[in-house]
Protein backbone atom coordinates (compact mmCIF):
# COMPACT_ATOMS: atom_id res chain seq x y z
CA UNK A 1 20.32 36.71 -134.72
CA UNK A 2 19.25 39.45 -132.39
CA UNK A 3 18.81 38.53 -128.75
CA UNK A 4 15.12 38.20 -127.62
CA UNK A 5 13.79 41.43 -126.09
CA UNK A 6 11.70 41.23 -123.03
CA UNK A 7 8.91 43.69 -122.53
CA UNK A 8 8.30 44.54 -118.96
CA UNK A 9 4.78 45.79 -119.36
CA UNK A 10 3.14 43.84 -122.18
CA UNK A 11 -0.03 45.86 -122.90
CA UNK A 12 -0.32 49.45 -124.33
CA UNK A 13 -3.74 50.44 -122.89
CA UNK A 14 -5.48 53.47 -124.27
CA UNK A 15 -9.03 54.86 -123.76
CA UNK A 16 -11.11 57.92 -123.35
CA UNK A 17 -13.22 58.67 -120.17
CA UNK A 18 -16.21 60.93 -120.65
CA UNK A 19 -17.81 62.19 -117.35
CA UNK A 20 -18.31 65.12 -115.07
CA UNK A 21 -15.82 66.79 -112.67
CA UNK A 22 -12.92 64.70 -114.00
CA UNK A 23 -9.52 65.58 -112.49
CA UNK A 24 -6.52 64.40 -114.59
CA UNK A 25 -4.23 64.87 -111.58
CA UNK A 26 -6.22 62.65 -109.28
CA UNK A 27 -6.67 60.03 -112.00
CA UNK A 28 -2.96 60.13 -112.61
CA UNK A 29 -2.21 59.62 -109.03
CA UNK A 30 -4.72 56.87 -108.57
CA UNK A 31 -3.29 54.84 -111.44
CA UNK A 32 0.35 55.35 -110.37
CA UNK A 33 -0.39 54.41 -106.81
CA UNK A 34 -2.65 51.39 -107.57
CA UNK A 35 -1.48 49.76 -110.78
CA UNK A 36 2.00 48.58 -111.90
CA UNK A 37 3.09 50.01 -115.23
CA UNK A 38 4.78 52.86 -116.98
CA UNK A 39 4.38 55.56 -119.71
CA UNK A 40 1.26 57.04 -118.05
CA UNK A 41 -0.46 59.82 -119.82
CA UNK A 42 -3.78 61.16 -118.31
CA UNK A 43 -4.69 64.25 -120.05
CA UNK A 44 -7.85 66.29 -120.72
CA UNK A 45 -10.39 68.37 -118.91
CA UNK A 46 -13.32 67.93 -116.49
CA UNK A 47 -15.51 66.22 -119.10
CA UNK A 48 -13.06 64.14 -121.19
CA UNK A 49 -9.78 62.41 -120.28
CA UNK A 50 -7.49 60.40 -122.55
CA UNK A 51 -5.53 57.63 -120.71
CA UNK A 52 -2.38 55.89 -122.12
CA UNK A 53 -0.62 53.37 -119.94
CA UNK A 54 1.58 50.34 -120.29
CA UNK A 55 0.68 47.55 -117.87
CA UNK A 56 0.37 43.83 -117.56
CA UNK A 57 -3.18 44.17 -116.29
CA UNK A 58 -5.17 46.40 -118.59
CA UNK A 59 -8.51 45.09 -117.21
CA UNK A 60 -7.76 46.63 -113.81
CA UNK A 61 -7.24 50.06 -115.42
CA UNK A 62 -10.44 49.64 -117.42
CA UNK A 63 -12.45 48.72 -114.40
CA UNK A 64 -11.12 51.67 -112.44
CA UNK A 65 -11.75 54.17 -115.33
CA UNK A 66 -15.37 52.82 -115.73
CA UNK A 67 -16.12 53.97 -112.24
CA UNK A 68 -15.28 57.57 -113.32
CA UNK A 69 -17.72 57.75 -116.42
CA UNK A 70 -18.31 56.13 -119.68
CA UNK A 71 -15.28 54.64 -121.36
CA UNK A 72 -14.82 54.26 -125.19
CA UNK A 73 -12.24 54.12 -127.91
CA UNK A 74 -10.65 51.45 -125.99
CA UNK A 75 -7.44 49.99 -127.42
CA UNK A 76 -5.42 47.32 -125.78
CA UNK A 77 -2.39 46.32 -127.86
CA UNK A 78 0.03 43.40 -127.03
CA UNK A 79 3.43 45.00 -127.38
CA UNK A 80 5.16 41.67 -127.08
CA UNK A 81 3.38 40.47 -130.23
CA UNK A 82 4.38 43.58 -131.95
CA UNK A 83 7.99 43.26 -130.95
CA UNK A 84 7.92 39.74 -132.47
CA UNK A 85 6.56 41.06 -135.68
CA UNK A 86 3.08 39.38 -135.25
CA UNK A 87 -0.29 41.07 -136.01
CA UNK A 88 -3.15 41.13 -133.62
């Protein structure tokens, strides 16, 4: 039997932000400085940014991103459940 693997950051959080004058570097810096997590990607242009982030508090990331514009295509996956072979 394999030892149980612990996941430091449980939720894989992905979304799109649609807005005006978006700056991927500013968004990246803000998330890095204000939310605990890893594997951050914030890529796009002034009107559309894709966010990918592993965190234990995805709702905080969503709240922040909502202040920047409209958010959609939101996916929050529980990587702990995935690691245990469960669906959902």
